[in-house]
mmCIF file of all heavy atoms, coordinates in Angstrom:
data_MODEL
# 
_entry.id   MODEL 
# 
loop_
_atom_site.group_PDB 
_atom_site.id 
_atom_site.type_symbol 
_atom_site.label_atom_id 
_atom_site.label_alt_id 
_atom_site.label_comp_id 
_atom_site.label_asym_id 
_atom_site.label_entity_id 
_atom_site.label_seq_id 
_atom_site.pdbx_PDB_ins_code 
_atom_site.Cartn_x 
_atom_site.Cartn_y 
_atom_site.Cartn_z 
_atom_site.occupancy 
_atom_site.B_iso_or_equiv 
_atom_site.pdbx_formal_charge 
_atom_site.auth_seq_id 
_atom_site.auth_comp_id 
_atom_site.auth_asym_id 
_atom_site.auth_atom_id 
_atom_site.pdbx_PDB_model_num 
ATOM 1   N N   . LYS A 1 1  ? 0.830  -1.204 0.000  1.00 0.00 ? 1  LYS A N   1 
ATOM 2   C CA  . LYS A 1 1  ? 0.000  0.000  0.000  1.00 0.00 ? 1  LYS A CA  1 
ATOM 3   C C   . LYS A 1 1  ? 0.866  1.257  0.000  1.00 0.00 ? 1  LYS A C   1 
ATOM 4   O O   . LYS A 1 1  ? 0.582  2.235  -0.715 1.00 0.00 ? 1  LYS A O   1 
ATOM 5   C CB  . LYS A 1 1  ? -0.916 -0.021 1.220  1.00 0.00 ? 1  LYS A CB  1 
ATOM 6   C CG  . LYS A 1 1  ? -1.872 1.163  1.285  1.00 0.00 ? 1  LYS A CG  1 
ATOM 7   C CD  . LYS A 1 1  ? -2.798 1.039  2.487  1.00 0.00 ? 1  LYS A CD  1 
ATOM 8   C CE  . LYS A 1 1  ? -3.743 2.224  2.572  1.00 0.00 ? 1  LYS A CE  1 
ATOM 9   N NZ  . LYS A 1 1  ? -4.648 2.126  3.754  1.00 0.00 ? 1  LYS A NZ  1 
ATOM 10  N N   . LYS A 1 2  ? 1.925  1.229  0.803  1.00 0.00 ? 2  LYS A N   1 
ATOM 11  C CA  . LYS A 1 2  ? 2.819  2.391  0.862  1.00 0.00 ? 2  LYS A CA  1 
ATOM 12  C C   . LYS A 1 2  ? 3.529  2.596  -0.485 1.00 0.00 ? 2  LYS A C   1 
ATOM 13  O O   . LYS A 1 2  ? 3.641  3.733  -0.979 1.00 0.00 ? 2  LYS A O   1 
ATOM 14  C CB  . LYS A 1 2  ? 3.856  2.192  1.970  1.00 0.00 ? 2  LYS A CB  1 
ATOM 15  C CG  . LYS A 1 2  ? 3.310  2.351  3.383  1.00 0.00 ? 2  LYS A CG  1 
ATOM 16  C CD  . LYS A 1 2  ? 2.917  3.801  3.641  1.00 0.00 ? 2  LYS A CD  1 
ATOM 17  C CE  . LYS A 1 2  ? 2.499  3.997  5.086  1.00 0.00 ? 2  LYS A CE  1 
ATOM 18  N NZ  . LYS A 1 2  ? 2.120  5.408  5.356  1.00 0.00 ? 2  LYS A NZ  1 
ATOM 19  N N   . LEU A 1 3  ? 4.010  1.510  -1.056 1.00 0.00 ? 3  LEU A N   1 
ATOM 20  C CA  . LEU A 1 3  ? 4.721  1.634  -2.334 1.00 0.00 ? 3  LEU A CA  1 
ATOM 21  C C   . LEU A 1 3  ? 3.797  2.117  -3.446 1.00 0.00 ? 3  LEU A C   1 
ATOM 22  O O   . LEU A 1 3  ? 4.241  2.794  -4.384 1.00 0.00 ? 3  LEU A O   1 
ATOM 23  C CB  . LEU A 1 3  ? 5.347  0.301  -2.725 1.00 0.00 ? 3  LEU A CB  1 
ATOM 24  C CG  . LEU A 1 3  ? 6.539  -0.178 -1.883 1.00 0.00 ? 3  LEU A CG  1 
ATOM 25  C CD1 . LEU A 1 3  ? 6.983  -1.562 -2.322 1.00 0.00 ? 3  LEU A CD1 1 
ATOM 26  C CD2 . LEU A 1 3  ? 7.696  0.808  -1.991 1.00 0.00 ? 3  LEU A CD2 1 
ATOM 27  N N   . GLY A 1 4  ? 2.520  1.772  -3.339 1.00 0.00 ? 4  GLY A N   1 
ATOM 28  C CA  . GLY A 1 4  ? 1.579  2.204  -4.364 1.00 0.00 ? 4  GLY A CA  1 
ATOM 29  C C   . GLY A 1 4  ? 1.424  3.706  -4.450 1.00 0.00 ? 4  GLY A C   1 
ATOM 30  O O   . GLY A 1 4  ? 1.034  4.247  -5.493 1.00 0.00 ? 4  GLY A O   1 
ATOM 31  N N   . GLY A 1 5  ? 1.720  4.408  -3.345 1.00 0.00 ? 5  GLY A N   1 
ATOM 32  C CA  . GLY A 1 5  ? 1.586  5.863  -3.344 1.00 0.00 ? 5  GLY A CA  1 
ATOM 33  C C   . GLY A 1 5  ? 2.903  6.595  -3.493 1.00 0.00 ? 5  GLY A C   1 
ATOM 34  O O   . GLY A 1 5  ? 2.959  7.826  -3.305 1.00 0.00 ? 5  GLY A O   1 
ATOM 35  N N   . GLU A 1 6  ? 3.986  5.865  -3.773 1.00 0.00 ? 6  GLU A N   1 
ATOM 36  C CA  . GLU A 1 6  ? 5.309  6.478  -3.886 1.00 0.00 ? 6  GLU A CA  1 
ATOM 37  C C   . GLU A 1 6  ? 5.760  6.549  -5.341 1.00 0.00 ? 6  GLU A C   1 
ATOM 38  O O   . GLU A 1 6  ? 5.680  5.567  -6.082 1.00 0.00 ? 6  GLU A O   1 
ATOM 39  C CB  . GLU A 1 6  ? 6.332  5.653  -3.084 1.00 0.00 ? 6  GLU A CB  1 
ATOM 40  C CG  . GLU A 1 6  ? 6.140  5.684  -1.586 1.00 0.00 ? 6  GLU A CG  1 
ATOM 41  C CD  . GLU A 1 6  ? 6.487  7.031  -0.988 1.00 0.00 ? 6  GLU A CD  1 
ATOM 42  O OE1 . GLU A 1 6  ? 7.308  7.757  -1.581 1.00 0.00 ? 6  GLU A OE1 1 
ATOM 43  O OE2 . GLU A 1 6  ? 5.920  7.347  0.086  1.00 0.00 ? 6  GLU A OE2 1 
ATOM 44  N N   . ALA A 1 7  ? 6.252  7.732  -5.725 1.00 0.00 ? 7  ALA A N   1 
ATOM 45  C CA  . ALA A 1 7  ? 6.781  7.891  -7.077 1.00 0.00 ? 7  ALA A CA  1 
ATOM 46  C C   . ALA A 1 7  ? 8.125  7.179  -7.215 1.00 0.00 ? 7  ALA A C   1 
ATOM 47  O O   . ALA A 1 7  ? 8.426  6.577  -8.248 1.00 0.00 ? 7  ALA A O   1 
ATOM 48  C CB  . ALA A 1 7  ? 6.927  9.383  -7.413 1.00 0.00 ? 7  ALA A CB  1 
ATOM 49  N N   . ASN A 1 8  ? 8.964  7.263  -6.170 1.00 0.00 ? 8  ASN A N   1 
ATOM 50  C CA  . ASN A 1 8  ? 10.281 6.620  -6.193 1.00 0.00 ? 8  ASN A CA  1 
ATOM 51  C C   . ASN A 1 8  ? 10.295 5.511  -5.139 1.00 0.00 ? 8  ASN A C   1 
ATOM 52  O O   . ASN A 1 8  ? 10.576 5.731  -3.967 1.00 0.00 ? 8  ASN A O   1 
ATOM 53  C CB  . ASN A 1 8  ? 11.379 7.653  -5.891 1.00 0.00 ? 8  ASN A CB  1 
ATOM 54  C CG  . ASN A 1 8  ? 12.763 7.088  -6.151 1.00 0.00 ? 8  ASN A CG  1 
ATOM 55  O OD1 . ASN A 1 8  ? 12.984 5.879  -6.050 1.00 0.00 ? 8  ASN A OD1 1 
ATOM 56  N ND2 . ASN A 1 8  ? 13.707 7.966  -6.478 1.00 0.00 ? 8  ASN A ND2 1 
ATOM 57  N N   . ARG A 1 9  ? 9.969  4.309  -5.564 1.00 0.00 ? 9  ARG A N   1 
ATOM 58  C CA  . ARG A 1 9  ? 9.816  3.200  -4.623 1.00 0.00 ? 9  ARG A CA  1 
ATOM 59  C C   . ARG A 1 9  ? 11.158 2.783  -4.015 1.00 0.00 ? 9  ARG A C   1 
ATOM 60  O O   . ARG A 1 9  ? 11.237 2.438  -2.837 1.00 0.00 ? 9  ARG A O   1 
ATOM 61  C CB  . ARG A 1 9  ? 9.176  2.006  -5.326 1.00 0.00 ? 9  ARG A CB  1 
ATOM 62  C CG  . ARG A 1 9  ? 7.768  2.296  -5.832 1.00 0.00 ? 9  ARG A CG  1 
ATOM 63  C CD  . ARG A 1 9  ? 7.171  1.086  -6.495 1.00 0.00 ? 9  ARG A CD  1 
ATOM 64  N NE  . ARG A 1 9  ? 5.811  1.340  -6.940 1.00 0.00 ? 9  ARG A NE  1 
ATOM 65  C CZ  . ARG A 1 9  ? 5.019  0.449  -7.532 1.00 0.00 ? 9  ARG A CZ  1 
ATOM 66  N NH1 . ARG A 1 9  ? 5.499  -0.784 -7.738 1.00 0.00 ? 9  ARG A NH1 1 
ATOM 67  N NH2 . ARG A 1 9  ? 3.811  0.757  -7.908 1.00 0.00 ? 9  ARG A NH2 1 
ATOM 68  N N   . VAL A 1 10 ? 12.206 2.822  -4.828 1.00 0.00 ? 10 VAL A N   1 
ATOM 69  C CA  . VAL A 1 10 ? 13.522 2.424  -4.325 1.00 0.00 ? 10 VAL A CA  1 
ATOM 70  C C   . VAL A 1 10 ? 13.968 3.377  -3.226 1.00 0.00 ? 10 VAL A C   1 
ATOM 71  O O   . VAL A 1 10 ? 14.518 2.966  -2.185 1.00 0.00 ? 10 VAL A O   1 
ATOM 72  C CB  . VAL A 1 10 ? 14.549 2.399  -5.473 1.00 0.00 ? 10 VAL A CB  1 
ATOM 73  C CG1 . VAL A 1 10 ? 15.965 2.150  -4.925 1.00 0.00 ? 10 VAL A CG1 1 
ATOM 74  C CG2 . VAL A 1 10 ? 14.179 1.330  -6.499 1.00 0.00 ? 10 VAL A CG2 1 
ATOM 75  N N   . ASP A 1 11 ? 13.717 4.653  -3.402 1.00 0.00 ? 11 ASP A N   1 
ATOM 76  C CA  . ASP A 1 11 ? 14.083 5.636  -2.381 1.00 0.00 ? 11 ASP A CA  1 
ATOM 77  C C   . ASP A 1 11 ? 13.308 5.395  -1.082 1.00 0.00 ? 11 ASP A C   1 
ATOM 78  O O   . ASP A 1 11 ? 13.873 5.474  0.010  1.00 0.00 ? 11 ASP A O   1 
ATOM 79  C CB  . ASP A 1 11 ? 13.814 7.048  -2.921 1.00 0.00 ? 11 ASP A CB  1 
ATOM 80  C CG  . ASP A 1 11 ? 14.228 8.107  -1.921 1.00 0.00 ? 11 ASP A CG  1 
ATOM 81  O OD1 . ASP A 1 11 ? 15.436 8.175  -1.601 1.00 0.00 ? 11 ASP A OD1 1 
ATOM 82  O OD2 . ASP A 1 11 ? 13.350 8.867  -1.445 1.00 0.00 ? 11 ASP A OD2 1 
ATOM 83  N N   . TRP A 1 12 ? 12.035 5.082  -1.209 1.00 0.00 ? 12 TRP A N   1 
ATOM 84  C CA  . TRP A 1 12 ? 11.221 4.823  -0.007 1.00 0.00 ? 12 TRP A CA  1 
ATOM 85  C C   . TRP A 1 12 ? 11.733 3.592  0.733  1.00 0.00 ? 12 TRP A C   1 
ATOM 86  O O   . TRP A 1 12 ? 11.831 3.588  1.956  1.00 0.00 ? 12 TRP A O   1 
ATOM 87  C CB  . TRP A 1 12 ? 9.763  4.616  -0.400 1.00 0.00 ? 12 TRP A CB  1 
ATOM 88  C CG  . TRP A 1 12 ? 8.859  4.438  0.797  1.00 0.00 ? 12 TRP A CG  1 
ATOM 89  C CD1 . TRP A 1 12 ? 8.241  5.398  1.520  1.00 0.00 ? 12 TRP A CD1 1 
ATOM 90  C CD2 . TRP A 1 12 ? 8.509  3.184  1.413  1.00 0.00 ? 12 TRP A CD2 1 
ATOM 91  N NE1 . TRP A 1 12 ? 7.520  4.848  2.554  1.00 0.00 ? 12 TRP A NE1 1 
ATOM 92  C CE2 . TRP A 1 12 ? 7.673  3.483  2.512  1.00 0.00 ? 12 TRP A CE2 1 
ATOM 93  C CE3 . TRP A 1 12 ? 8.820  1.856  1.152  1.00 0.00 ? 12 TRP A CE3 1 
ATOM 94  C CZ2 . TRP A 1 12 ? 7.147  2.505  3.335  1.00 0.00 ? 12 TRP A CZ2 1 
ATOM 95  C CZ3 . TRP A 1 12 ? 8.298  0.868  1.972  1.00 0.00 ? 12 TRP A CZ3 1 
ATOM 96  C CH2 . TRP A 1 12 ? 7.462  1.189  3.054  1.00 0.00 ? 12 TRP A CH2 1 
ATOM 97  N N   . LEU A 1 13 ? 12.060 2.525  -0.008 1.00 0.00 ? 13 LEU A N   1 
ATOM 98  C CA  . LEU A 1 13 ? 12.598 1.323  0.617  1.00 0.00 ? 13 LEU A CA  1 
ATOM 99  C C   . LEU A 1 13 ? 13.923 1.601  1.310  1.00 0.00 ? 13 LEU A C   1 
ATOM 100 O O   . LEU A 1 13 ? 14.213 1.065  2.387  1.00 0.00 ? 13 LEU A O   1 
ATOM 101 C CB  . LEU A 1 13 ? 12.779 0.218  -0.423 1.00 0.00 ? 13 LEU A CB  1 
ATOM 102 C CG  . LEU A 1 13 ? 11.499 -0.444 -0.939 1.00 0.00 ? 13 LEU A CG  1 
ATOM 103 C CD1 . LEU A 1 13 ? 11.808 -1.363 -2.110 1.00 0.00 ? 13 LEU A CD1 1 
ATOM 104 C CD2 . LEU A 1 13 ? 10.788 -1.203 0.163  1.00 0.00 ? 13 LEU A CD2 1 
ATOM 105 N N   . GLY A 1 14 ? 14.734 2.469  0.726  1.00 0.00 ? 14 GLY A N   1 
ATOM 106 C CA  . GLY A 1 14 ? 16.005 2.843  1.353  1.00 0.00 ? 14 GLY A CA  1 
ATOM 107 C C   . GLY A 1 14 ? 15.791 3.576  2.662  1.00 0.00 ? 14 GLY A C   1 
ATOM 108 O O   . GLY A 1 14 ? 16.491 3.312  3.655  1.00 0.00 ? 14 GLY A O   1 
ATOM 109 N N   . ARG A 1 15 ? 14.828 4.474  2.669  1.00 0.00 ? 15 ARG A N   1 
ATOM 110 C CA  . ARG A 1 15 ? 14.544 5.218  3.913  1.00 0.00 ? 15 ARG A CA  1 
ATOM 111 C C   . ARG A 1 15 ? 13.992 4.276  4.986  1.00 0.00 ? 15 ARG A C   1 
ATOM 112 O O   . ARG A 1 15 ? 14.311 4.404  6.168  1.00 0.00 ? 15 ARG A O   1 
ATOM 113 C CB  . ARG A 1 15 ? 13.551 6.350  3.647  1.00 0.00 ? 15 ARG A CB  1 
ATOM 114 C CG  . ARG A 1 15 ? 14.074 7.445  2.719  1.00 0.00 ? 15 ARG A CG  1 
ATOM 115 C CD  . ARG A 1 15 ? 13.221 8.718  2.814  1.00 0.00 ? 15 ARG A CD  1 
ATOM 116 N NE  . ARG A 1 15 ? 11.800 8.460  2.662  1.00 0.00 ? 15 ARG A NE  1 
ATOM 117 C CZ  . ARG A 1 15 ? 11.157 8.459  1.495  1.00 0.00 ? 15 ARG A CZ  1 
ATOM 118 N NH1 . ARG A 1 15 ? 11.839 8.655  0.358  1.00 0.00 ? 15 ARG A NH1 1 
ATOM 119 N NH2 . ARG A 1 15 ? 9.863  8.236  1.432  1.00 0.00 ? 15 ARG A NH2 1 
ATOM 120 N N   . MET A 1 16 ? 13.134 3.323  4.578  1.00 0.00 ? 16 MET A N   1 
ATOM 121 C CA  . MET A 1 16 ? 12.581 2.366  5.544  1.00 0.00 ? 16 MET A CA  1 
ATOM 122 C C   . MET A 1 16 ? 13.688 1.489  6.127  1.00 0.00 ? 16 MET A C   1 
ATOM 123 O O   . MET A 1 16 ? 13.725 1.227  7.334  1.00 0.00 ? 16 MET A O   1 
ATOM 124 C CB  . MET A 1 16 ? 11.517 1.497  4.868  1.00 0.00 ? 16 MET A CB  1 
ATOM 125 C CG  . MET A 1 16 ? 10.913 0.427  5.774  1.00 0.00 ? 16 MET A CG  1 
ATOM 126 S SD  . MET A 1 16 ? 10.196 1.090  7.302  1.00 0.00 ? 16 MET A SD  1 
ATOM 127 C CE  . MET A 1 16 ? 8.892  2.124  6.630  1.00 0.00 ? 16 MET A CE  1 
ATOM 128 N N   . PHE A 1 17 ? 14.615 1.028  5.280  1.00 0.00 ? 17 PHE A N   1 
ATOM 129 C CA  . PHE A 1 17 ? 15.740 0.226  5.772  1.00 0.00 ? 17 PHE A CA  1 
ATOM 130 C C   . PHE A 1 17 ? 16.570 1.030  6.771  1.00 0.00 ? 17 PHE A C   1 
ATOM 131 O O   . PHE A 1 17 ? 16.980 0.521  7.820  1.00 0.00 ? 17 PHE A O   1 
ATOM 132 C CB  . PHE A 1 17 ? 16.612 -0.230 4.609  1.00 0.00 ? 17 PHE A CB  1 
ATOM 133 C CG  . PHE A 1 17 ? 17.871 -0.919 5.053  1.00 0.00 ? 17 PHE A CG  1 
ATOM 134 C CD1 . PHE A 1 17 ? 17.853 -2.240 5.463  1.00 0.00 ? 17 PHE A CD1 1 
ATOM 135 C CD2 . PHE A 1 17 ? 19.078 -0.230 5.103  1.00 0.00 ? 17 PHE A CD2 1 
ATOM 136 C CE1 . PHE A 1 17 ? 19.008 -2.870 5.889  1.00 0.00 ? 17 PHE A CE1 1 
ATOM 137 C CE2 . PHE A 1 17 ? 20.244 -0.848 5.533  1.00 0.00 ? 17 PHE A CE2 1 
ATOM 138 C CZ  . PHE A 1 17 ? 20.208 -2.181 5.919  1.00 0.00 ? 17 PHE A CZ  1 
ATOM 139 N N   . GLN A 1 18 ? 16.833 2.296  6.430  1.00 0.00 ? 18 GLN A N   1 
ATOM 140 C CA  . GLN A 1 18 ? 17.633 3.137  7.323  1.00 0.00 ? 18 GLN A CA  1 
ATOM 141 C C   . GLN A 1 18 ? 16.931 3.331  8.658  1.00 0.00 ? 18 GLN A C   1 
ATOM 142 O O   . GLN A 1 18 ? 17.567 3.294  9.723  1.00 0.00 ? 18 GLN A O   1 
ATOM 143 C CB  . GLN A 1 18 ? 17.897 4.489  6.655  1.00 0.00 ? 18 GLN A CB  1 
ATOM 144 C CG  . GLN A 1 18 ? 18.796 5.406  7.474  1.00 0.00 ? 18 GLN A CG  1 
ATOM 145 C CD  . GLN A 1 18 ? 19.078 6.715  6.771  1.00 0.00 ? 18 GLN A CD  1 
ATOM 146 O OE1 . GLN A 1 18 ? 18.453 7.038  5.758  1.00 0.00 ? 18 GLN A OE1 1 
ATOM 147 N NE2 . GLN A 1 18 ? 20.025 7.480  7.300  1.00 0.00 ? 18 GLN A NE2 1 
ATOM 148 N N   . PHE A 1 19 ? 15.612 3.500  8.611  1.00 0.00 ? 19 PHE A N   1 
ATOM 149 C CA  . PHE A 1 19 ? 14.844 3.669  9.856  1.00 0.00 ? 19 PHE A CA  1 
ATOM 150 C C   . PHE A 1 19 ? 14.944 2.413  10.727 1.00 0.00 ? 19 PHE A C   1 
ATOM 151 O O   . PHE A 1 19 ? 15.211 2.494  11.931 1.00 0.00 ? 19 PHE A O   1 
ATOM 152 C CB  . PHE A 1 19 ? 13.380 3.968  9.529  1.00 0.00 ? 19 PHE A CB  1 
ATOM 153 C CG  . PHE A 1 19 ? 12.472 3.864  10.724 1.00 0.00 ? 19 PHE A CG  1 
ATOM 154 C CD1 . PHE A 1 19 ? 12.441 4.869  11.681 1.00 0.00 ? 19 PHE A CD1 1 
ATOM 155 C CD2 . PHE A 1 19 ? 11.670 2.744  10.917 1.00 0.00 ? 19 PHE A CD2 1 
ATOM 156 C CE1 . PHE A 1 19 ? 11.614 4.763  12.797 1.00 0.00 ? 19 PHE A CE1 1 
ATOM 157 C CE2 . PHE A 1 19 ? 10.843 2.629  12.023 1.00 0.00 ? 19 PHE A CE2 1 
ATOM 158 C CZ  . PHE A 1 19 ? 10.821 3.649  12.968 1.00 0.00 ? 19 PHE A CZ  1 
ATOM 159 N N   . LEU A 1 20 ? 14.721 1.245  10.131 1.00 0.00 ? 20 LEU A N   1 
ATOM 160 C CA  . LEU A 1 20 ? 14.778 0.004  10.902 1.00 0.00 ? 20 LEU A CA  1 
ATOM 161 C C   . LEU A 1 20 ? 16.175 -0.253 11.442 1.00 0.00 ? 20 LEU A C   1 
ATOM 162 O O   . LEU A 1 20 ? 16.353 -0.763 12.553 1.00 0.00 ? 20 LEU A O   1 
ATOM 163 C CB  . LEU A 1 20 ? 14.327 -1.166 10.025 1.00 0.00 ? 20 LEU A CB  1 
ATOM 164 C CG  . LEU A 1 20 ? 12.854 -1.175 9.604  1.00 0.00 ? 20 LEU A CG  1 
ATOM 165 C CD1 . LEU A 1 20 ? 12.589 -2.316 8.636  1.00 0.00 ? 20 LEU A CD1 1 
ATOM 166 C CD2 . LEU A 1 20 ? 11.933 -1.283 10.806 1.00 0.00 ? 20 LEU A CD2 1 
ATOM 167 N N   . ASN A 1 21 ? 17.180 0.098  10.667 1.00 0.00 ? 21 ASN A N   1 
ATOM 168 C CA  . ASN A 1 21 ? 18.559 -0.179 11.042 1.00 0.00 ? 21 ASN A CA  1 
ATOM 169 C C   . ASN A 1 21 ? 19.081 0.779  12.104 1.00 0.00 ? 21 ASN A C   1 
ATOM 170 O O   . ASN A 1 21 ? 19.887 0.386  12.962 1.00 0.00 ? 21 ASN A O   1 
ATOM 171 C CB  . ASN A 1 21 ? 19.450 -0.117 9.801  1.00 0.00 ? 21 ASN A CB  1 
ATOM 172 C CG  . ASN A 1 21 ? 20.836 -0.683 10.060 1.00 0.00 ? 21 ASN A CG  1 
ATOM 173 O OD1 . ASN A 1 21 ? 20.965 -1.752 10.655 1.00 0.00 ? 21 ASN A OD1 1 
ATOM 174 N ND2 . ASN A 1 21 ? 21.864 0.017  9.634  1.00 0.00 ? 21 ASN A ND2 1 
ATOM 175 N N   . GLU A 1 22 ? 18.606 2.023  12.093 1.00 0.00 ? 22 GLU A N   1 
ATOM 176 C CA  . GLU A 1 22 ? 19.198 3.044  12.956 1.00 0.00 ? 22 GLU A CA  1 
ATOM 177 C C   . GLU A 1 22 ? 18.242 3.583  14.033 1.00 0.00 ? 22 GLU A C   1 
ATOM 178 O O   . GLU A 1 22 ? 18.710 4.068  15.067 1.00 0.00 ? 22 GLU A O   1 
ATOM 179 C CB  . GLU A 1 22 ? 19.686 4.223  12.100 1.00 0.00 ? 22 GLU A CB  1 
ATOM 180 C CG  . GLU A 1 22 ? 20.765 3.841  11.097 1.00 0.00 ? 22 GLU A CG  1 
ATOM 181 C CD  . GLU A 1 22 ? 21.175 5.004  10.214 1.00 0.00 ? 22 GLU A CD  1 
ATOM 182 O OE1 . GLU A 1 22 ? 20.628 6.120  10.432 1.00 0.00 ? 22 GLU A OE1 1 
ATOM 183 O OE2 . GLU A 1 22 ? 22.020 4.811  9.323  1.00 0.00 ? 22 GLU A OE2 1 
ATOM 184 N N   . SER A 1 23 ? 16.936 3.486  13.799 1.00 0.00 ? 23 SER A N   1 
ATOM 185 C CA  . SER A 1 23 ? 16.002 4.169  14.710 1.00 0.00 ? 23 SER A CA  1 
ATOM 186 C C   . SER A 1 23 ? 15.022 3.236  15.414 1.00 0.00 ? 23 SER A C   1 
ATOM 187 O O   . SER A 1 23 ? 14.274 3.682  16.287 1.00 0.00 ? 23 SER A O   1 
ATOM 188 C CB  . SER A 1 23 ? 15.201 5.224  13.926 1.00 0.00 ? 23 SER A CB  1 
ATOM 189 O OG  . SER A 1 23 ? 16.078 6.158  13.318 1.00 0.00 ? 23 SER A OG  1 
ATOM 190 N N   . ALA A 1 24 ? 14.958 1.974  15.025 1.00 0.00 ? 24 ALA A N   1 
ATOM 191 C CA  . ALA A 1 24 ? 14.054 1.023  15.686 1.00 0.00 ? 24 ALA A CA  1 
ATOM 192 C C   . ALA A 1 24 ? 14.811 0.289  16.794 1.00 0.00 ? 24 ALA A C   1 
ATOM 193 O O   . ALA A 1 24 ? 15.988 -0.036 16.650 1.00 0.00 ? 24 ALA A O   1 
ATOM 194 C CB  . ALA A 1 24 ? 13.507 0.024  14.673 1.00 0.00 ? 24 ALA A CB  1 
ATOM 195 N N   . TYR A 1 25 ? 14.148 0.052  17.905 1.00 0.00 ? 25 TYR A N   1 
ATOM 196 C CA  . TYR A 1 25 ? 14.802 -0.534 19.074 1.00 0.00 ? 25 TYR A CA  1 
ATOM 197 C C   . TYR A 1 25 ? 14.005 -1.734 19.592 1.00 0.00 ? 25 TYR A C   1 
ATOM 198 O O   . TYR A 1 25 ? 12.782 -1.785 19.483 1.00 0.00 ? 25 TYR A O   1 
ATOM 199 C CB  . TYR A 1 25 ? 14.914 0.494  20.204 1.00 0.00 ? 25 TYR A CB  1 
ATOM 200 C CG  . TYR A 1 25 ? 15.806 1.662  19.877 1.00 0.00 ? 25 TYR A CG  1 
ATOM 201 C CD1 . TYR A 1 25 ? 15.292 2.806  19.266 1.00 0.00 ? 25 TYR A CD1 1 
ATOM 202 C CD2 . TYR A 1 25 ? 17.169 1.628  20.167 1.00 0.00 ? 25 TYR A CD2 1 
ATOM 203 C CE1 . TYR A 1 25 ? 16.105 3.885  18.957 1.00 0.00 ? 25 TYR A CE1 1 
ATOM 204 C CE2 . TYR A 1 25 ? 17.992 2.695  19.857 1.00 0.00 ? 25 TYR A CE2 1 
ATOM 205 C CZ  . TYR A 1 25 ? 17.458 3.822  19.255 1.00 0.00 ? 25 TYR A CZ  1 
ATOM 206 O OH  . TYR A 1 25 ? 18.271 4.884  18.946 1.00 0.00 ? 25 TYR A OH  1 
# 
């Protein structure tokens, strides 16, 4: 659902990976 609303899907996936890797505990 999130990817369906994103123009740049690869960029969104990169930001999600960074969030999980650096900001999720």
